Amino acid sequence: MKIKILFFGQLTDITGCSSMQLNNPGTIGQLKEQLFLKFPTLKTASFTIALNSQLVLQDQLISENSTIAFMPPFSGG
């Protein structure tokens, strides 16, 4: 069961990609742990996570075929 991960801004430099597919780890927290092992520098980066276009917390469950976006801080004008 795959999920789609999107990276934006400086996070694409850290990960070396703008998107990837992974097996569903279960929760946002477990996904972060998995990505931190693969991309250690990501652990120190600032970012917000959206699950299917909704901002989420670490304990959120991930449903199958979800899209998760890792977004750096942004400002508006």
C-alpha atoms as a PDB file:
ATOM      1  CA  MET A   1       0.000   0.000   0.000  1.00  0.00           C
ATOM      2  CA  LYS A   2       1.778   3.098  -1.253  1.00  0.00           C
ATOM      3  CA  ILE A   3       1.572   6.736  -0.226  1.00  0.00           C
ATOM      4  CA  LYS A   4       2.947   9.732  -2.123  1.00  0.00           C
ATOM      5  CA  ILE A   5       5.374  12.125  -0.433  1.00  0.00           C
ATOM      6  CA  LEU A   6       5.947  15.647  -1.795  1.00  0.00           C
ATOM      7  CA  PHE A   7       8.817  17.939  -0.793  1.00  0.00           C
ATOM      8  CA  PHE A   8       8.876  21.689  -1.409  1.00  0.00           C
ATOM      9  CA  GLY A   9      11.456  24.479  -1.268  1.00  0.00           C
ATOM     10  CA  GLN A  10      14.710  23.762   0.561  1.00  0.00           C
ATOM     11  CA  LEU A  11      13.397  20.311   1.501  1.00  0.00           C
ATOM     12  CA  THR A  12      13.940  19.215  -2.114  1.00  0.00           C
ATOM     13  CA  ASP A  13      17.630  20.115  -1.690  1.00  0.00           C
ATOM     14  CA  ILE A  14      17.842  18.076   1.514  1.00  0.00           C
ATOM     15  CA  THR A  15      16.140  15.002   0.049  1.00  0.00           C
ATOM     16  CA  GLY A  16      17.395  15.353  -3.510  1.00  0.00           C
ATOM     17  CA  CYS A  17      13.869  14.891  -4.883  1.00  0.00           C
ATOM     18  CA  SER A  18      10.518  16.638  -5.089  1.00  0.00           C
ATOM     19  CA  SER A  19       8.421  13.484  -4.679  1.00  0.00           C
ATOM     20  CA  MET A  20       8.647   9.807  -3.809  1.00  0.00           C
ATOM     21  CA  GLN A  21       6.428   6.846  -3.065  1.00  0.00           C
ATOM     22  CA  LEU A  22       6.744   4.736   0.071  1.00  0.00           C
ATOM     23  CA  ASN A  23       4.859   1.953   1.772  1.00  0.00           C
ATOM     24  CA  ASN A  24       2.424   3.349   4.319  1.00  0.00           C
ATOM     25  CA  PRO A  25       4.178   3.354   7.724  1.00  0.00           C
ATOM     26  CA  GLY A  26       0.917   3.933   9.614  1.00  0.00           C
ATOM     27  CA  THR A  27       1.219   7.387  11.200  1.00  0.00           C
ATOM     28  CA  ILE A  28       2.831  10.730  10.460  1.00  0.00           C
ATOM     29  CA  GLY A  29       5.239  10.159  13.364  1.00  0.00           C
ATOM     30  CA  GLN A  30       6.365   6.822  11.948  1.00  0.00           C
ATOM     31  CA  LEU A  31       6.768   8.394   8.503  1.00  0.00           C
ATOM     32  CA  LYS A  32       8.974  11.139   9.948  1.00  0.00           C
ATOM     33  CA  GLU A  33      11.157   8.563  11.719  1.00  0.00           C
ATOM     34  CA  GLN A  34      11.552   6.622   8.475  1.00  0.00           C
ATOM     35  CA  LEU A  35      12.469   9.771   6.514  1.00  0.00           C
ATOM     36  CA  PHE A  36      14.898  10.969   9.212  1.00  0.00           C
ATOM     37  CA  LEU A  37      16.802   7.688   8.867  1.00  0.00           C
ATOM     38  CA  LYS A  38      16.984   8.106   5.093  1.00  0.00           C
ATOM     39  CA  PHE A  39      17.670  11.873   5.174  1.00  0.00           C
ATOM     40  CA  PRO A  40      19.341  12.751   8.539  1.00  0.00           C
ATOM     41  CA  THR A  41      19.566  16.482   7.694  1.00  0.00           C
ATOM     42  CA  LEU A  42      15.774  16.599   7.434  1.00  0.00           C
ATOM     43  CA  LYS A  43      15.622  16.160  11.211  1.00  0.00           C
ATOM     44  CA  THR A  44      17.009  19.665  11.779  1.00  0.00           C
ATOM     45  CA  ALA A  45      14.912  21.345   9.079  1.00  0.00           C
ATOM     46  CA  SER A  46      11.788  23.373   9.808  1.00  0.00           C
ATOM     47  CA  PHE A  47       8.679  22.168   8.016  1.00  0.00           C
ATOM     48  CA  THR A  48       4.927  21.734   8.188  1.00  0.00           C
ATOM     49  CA  ILE A  49       3.175  18.545   7.110  1.00  0.00           C
ATOM     50  CA  ALA A  50      -0.087  18.322   5.191  1.00  0.00           C
ATOM     51  CA  LEU A  51      -1.975  15.058   4.738  1.00  0.00           C
ATOM     52  CA  ASN A  52      -4.319  15.198   1.747  1.00  0.00           C
ATOM     53  CA  SER A  53      -4.187  19.034   1.820  1.00  0.00           C
ATOM     54  CA  GLN A  54      -4.917  19.290   5.586  1.00  0.00           C
ATOM     55  CA  LEU A  55      -2.252  20.307   8.118  1.00  0.00           C
ATOM     56  CA  VAL A  56      -1.660  17.459  10.563  1.00  0.00           C
ATOM     57  CA  LEU A  57      -0.005  16.514  13.835  1.00  0.00           C
ATOM     58  CA  GLN A  58       2.454  13.690  14.473  1.00  0.00           C
ATOM     59  CA  ASP A  59      -0.107  11.175  15.750  1.00  0.00           C
ATOM     60  CA  GLN A  60      -2.347  11.372  12.666  1.00  0.00           C
ATOM     61  CA  LEU A  61      -3.108   8.047  10.966  1.00  0.00           C
ATOM     62  CA  ILE A  62      -2.269   7.812   7.265  1.00  0.00           C
ATOM     63  CA  SER A  63      -4.862   6.181   5.034  1.00  0.00           C
ATOM     64  CA  GLU A  64      -3.919   4.251   1.914  1.00  0.00           C
ATOM     65  CA  ASN A  65      -3.205   6.211  -1.278  1.00  0.00           C
ATOM     66  CA  SER A  66      -2.677   9.431   0.689  1.00  0.00           C
ATOM     67  CA  THR A  67      -0.492  12.322  -0.385  1.00  0.00           C
ATOM     68  CA  ILE A  68       1.725  13.875   2.287  1.00  0.00           C
ATOM     69  CA  ALA A  69       3.409  17.222   1.663  1.00  0.00           C
ATOM     70  CA  PHE A  70       6.472  18.446   3.586  1.00  0.00           C
ATOM     71  CA  MET A  71       6.513  22.240   3.306  1.00  0.00           C
ATOM     72  CA  PRO A  72       9.150  24.675   4.580  1.00  0.00           C
ATOM     73  CA  PRO A  73       8.116  27.820   6.466  1.00  0.00           C
ATOM     74  CA  PHE A  74       6.623  30.468   4.205  1.00  0.00           C
ATOM     75  CA  SER A  75       5.519  34.048   4.556  1.00  0.00           C
ATOM     76  CA  GLY A  76       2.871  35.995   2.729  1.00  0.00           C
ATOM     77  CA  GLY A  77       2.465  39.555   1.763  1.00  0.00           C
END
